[in-house]
Amino acid sequence: MTVYAPRRQGHECAARGCDVQVARGMLMCRRHWWMLRPSMRDAVWATYLDGKGILSDGYRQAVDDAVEYLAAKEGIASLSGHTTGEPA
């Protein structure tokens, strides 16, 4: 009898400090995704769907911008170690 280990189907939300598991193919949990400005969500999708997906520089920049925006909104320290205030 062969026993198969369950395959991990998802990953943690991309927002800093969030440990919510999200489905494969999703960037963030529902809460954090909808905290983003519509223009940021649009940028993530547009760069993901441009044919290069997660490998494109545009996608990585859009994700970095989204993660930084959420960190600022939630008062979490940026990657440089500084706590940012409420974003404009």
C-alpha atoms as a PDB file:
ATOM      1  CA  MET A   1       0.000   0.000   0.000  1.00  0.00           C
ATOM      2  CA  THR A   2       1.343   3.414  -0.975  1.00  0.00           C
ATOM      3  CA  VAL A   3       0.664   6.382   1.266  1.00  0.00           C
ATOM      4  CA  TYR A   4       0.893   9.809  -0.276  1.00  0.00           C
ATOM      5  CA  ALA A   5       1.667  12.877   1.773  1.00  0.00           C
ATOM      6  CA  PRO A   6      -0.849  15.645   1.227  1.00  0.00           C
ATOM      7  CA  ARG A   7       0.444  18.217  -1.216  1.00  0.00           C
ATOM      8  CA  ARG A   8       0.543  21.738   0.081  1.00  0.00           C
ATOM      9  CA  GLN A   9      -2.119  23.566  -1.869  1.00  0.00           C
ATOM     10  CA  GLY A  10      -1.436  27.148  -0.883  1.00  0.00           C
ATOM     11  CA  HIS A  11       0.850  29.594   0.814  1.00  0.00           C
ATOM     12  CA  GLU A  12       0.708  32.451   3.303  1.00  0.00           C
ATOM     13  CA  CYS A  13      -0.737  35.825   2.392  1.00  0.00           C
ATOM     14  CA  ALA A  14       1.919  38.166   0.959  1.00  0.00           C
ATOM     15  CA  ALA A  15       1.064  40.913   3.462  1.00  0.00           C
ATOM     16  CA  ARG A  16       3.699  41.286   6.162  1.00  0.00           C
ATOM     17  CA  GLY A  17       2.770  39.559   9.397  1.00  0.00           C
ATOM     18  CA  CYS A  18      -0.272  37.768   7.960  1.00  0.00           C
ATOM     19  CA  ASP A  19      -0.230  33.995   8.359  1.00  0.00           C
ATOM     20  CA  VAL A  20      -3.552  33.315   6.634  1.00  0.00           C
ATOM     21  CA  GLN A  21      -3.235  30.478   4.132  1.00  0.00           C
ATOM     22  CA  VAL A  22      -4.401  31.388   0.639  1.00  0.00           C
ATOM     23  CA  ALA A  23      -5.062  29.195  -2.360  1.00  0.00           C
ATOM     24  CA  ARG A  24      -2.443  28.618  -4.995  1.00  0.00           C
ATOM     25  CA  GLY A  25      -2.605  31.383  -7.556  1.00  0.00           C
ATOM     26  CA  MET A  26      -3.789  33.982  -5.047  1.00  0.00           C
ATOM     27  CA  LEU A  27      -1.446  36.665  -3.760  1.00  0.00           C
ATOM     28  CA  MET A  28      -3.168  37.687  -0.537  1.00  0.00           C
ATOM     29  CA  CYS A  29      -5.970  36.830   1.812  1.00  0.00           C
ATOM     30  CA  ARG A  30      -9.325  38.431   1.077  1.00  0.00           C
ATOM     31  CA  ARG A  31      -8.923  41.010   3.857  1.00  0.00           C
ATOM     32  CA  HIS A  32      -5.607  42.326   2.615  1.00  0.00           C
ATOM     33  CA  TRP A  33      -6.516  42.166  -1.078  1.00  0.00           C
ATOM     34  CA  TRP A  34      -9.543  44.394  -0.525  1.00  0.00           C
ATOM     35  CA  MET A  35      -7.525  46.824   1.626  1.00  0.00           C
ATOM     36  CA  LEU A  36      -5.504  47.709  -1.485  1.00  0.00           C
ATOM     37  CA  ARG A  37      -6.501  50.635  -3.648  1.00  0.00           C
ATOM     38  CA  PRO A  38      -8.302  49.487  -6.802  1.00  0.00           C
ATOM     39  CA  SER A  39      -5.442  50.853  -8.904  1.00  0.00           C
ATOM     40  CA  MET A  40      -2.982  48.636  -7.002  1.00  0.00           C
ATOM     41  CA  ARG A  41      -5.126  45.530  -7.483  1.00  0.00           C
ATOM     42  CA  ASP A  42      -5.401  46.404 -11.174  1.00  0.00           C
ATOM     43  CA  ALA A  43      -1.622  46.804 -11.459  1.00  0.00           C
ATOM     44  CA  VAL A  44      -0.994  43.399  -9.861  1.00  0.00           C
ATOM     45  CA  TRP A  45      -3.461  41.701 -12.226  1.00  0.00           C
ATOM     46  CA  ALA A  46      -2.307  43.546 -15.342  1.00  0.00           C
ATOM     47  CA  THR A  47       1.338  42.702 -14.759  1.00  0.00           C
ATOM     48  CA  TYR A  48       0.499  39.108 -13.831  1.00  0.00           C
ATOM     49  CA  LEU A  49      -1.494  38.644 -17.028  1.00  0.00           C
ATOM     50  CA  ASP A  50       1.045  40.330 -19.340  1.00  0.00           C
ATOM     51  CA  GLY A  51       2.410  36.974 -20.469  1.00  0.00           C
ATOM     52  CA  LYS A  52       5.379  36.745 -18.130  1.00  0.00           C
ATOM     53  CA  GLY A  53       3.411  36.336 -14.917  1.00  0.00           C
ATOM     54  CA  ILE A  54       5.285  36.276 -11.650  1.00  0.00           C
ATOM     55  CA  LEU A  55       8.622  36.405 -13.447  1.00  0.00           C
ATOM     56  CA  SER A  56       8.114  39.900 -14.811  1.00  0.00           C
ATOM     57  CA  ASP A  57       9.797  42.906 -13.254  1.00  0.00           C
ATOM     58  CA  GLY A  58       6.495  44.783 -13.488  1.00  0.00           C
ATOM     59  CA  TYR A  59       4.691  42.141 -11.436  1.00  0.00           C
ATOM     60  CA  ARG A  60       7.380  42.073  -8.763  1.00  0.00           C
ATOM     61  CA  GLN A  61       7.256  45.871  -8.530  1.00  0.00           C
ATOM     62  CA  ALA A  62       3.439  45.874  -8.301  1.00  0.00           C
ATOM     63  CA  VAL A  63       3.562  43.263  -5.513  1.00  0.00           C
ATOM     64  CA  ASP A  64       6.310  45.137  -3.648  1.00  0.00           C
ATOM     65  CA  ASP A  65       4.262  48.349  -3.882  1.00  0.00           C
ATOM     66  CA  ALA A  66       1.159  46.552  -2.593  1.00  0.00           C
ATOM     67  CA  VAL A  67       2.997  44.938   0.315  1.00  0.00           C
ATOM     68  CA  GLU A  68       4.630  48.237   1.311  1.00  0.00           C
ATOM     69  CA  TYR A  69       1.289  50.039   1.071  1.00  0.00           C
ATOM     70  CA  LEU A  70      -0.361  47.515   3.384  1.00  0.00           C
ATOM     71  CA  ALA A  71       2.535  47.627   5.833  1.00  0.00           C
ATOM     72  CA  ALA A  72       2.233  51.412   6.001  1.00  0.00           C
ATOM     73  CA  LYS A  73      -1.532  51.209   6.377  1.00  0.00           C
ATOM     74  CA  GLU A  74      -1.177  48.750   9.262  1.00  0.00           C
ATOM     75  CA  GLY A  75       1.774  50.540  10.885  1.00  0.00           C
ATOM     76  CA  ILE A  76       4.204  47.684  10.251  1.00  0.00           C
ATOM     77  CA  ALA A  77       7.891  48.470   9.819  1.00  0.00           C
ATOM     78  CA  SER A  78       9.066  48.708   6.230  1.00  0.00           C
ATOM     79  CA  LEU A  79      11.879  46.502   4.983  1.00  0.00           C
ATOM     80  CA  SER A  80      14.309  49.305   5.889  1.00  0.00           C
ATOM     81  CA  GLY A  81      13.179  48.943   9.496  1.00  0.00           C
ATOM     82  CA  HIS A  82      11.298  52.222   9.754  1.00  0.00           C
ATOM     83  CA  THR A  83       7.668  52.301  10.781  1.00  0.00           C
ATOM     84  CA  THR A  84       5.716  54.176   8.200  1.00  0.00           C
ATOM     85  CA  GLY A  85       2.650  56.266   8.771  1.00  0.00           C
ATOM     86  CA  GLU A  86      -0.697  56.137   7.027  1.00  0.00           C
ATOM     87  CA  PRO A  87      -0.083  56.207   3.266  1.00  0.00           C
ATOM     88  CA  ALA A  88      -1.415  59.066   1.183  1.00  0.00           C
END
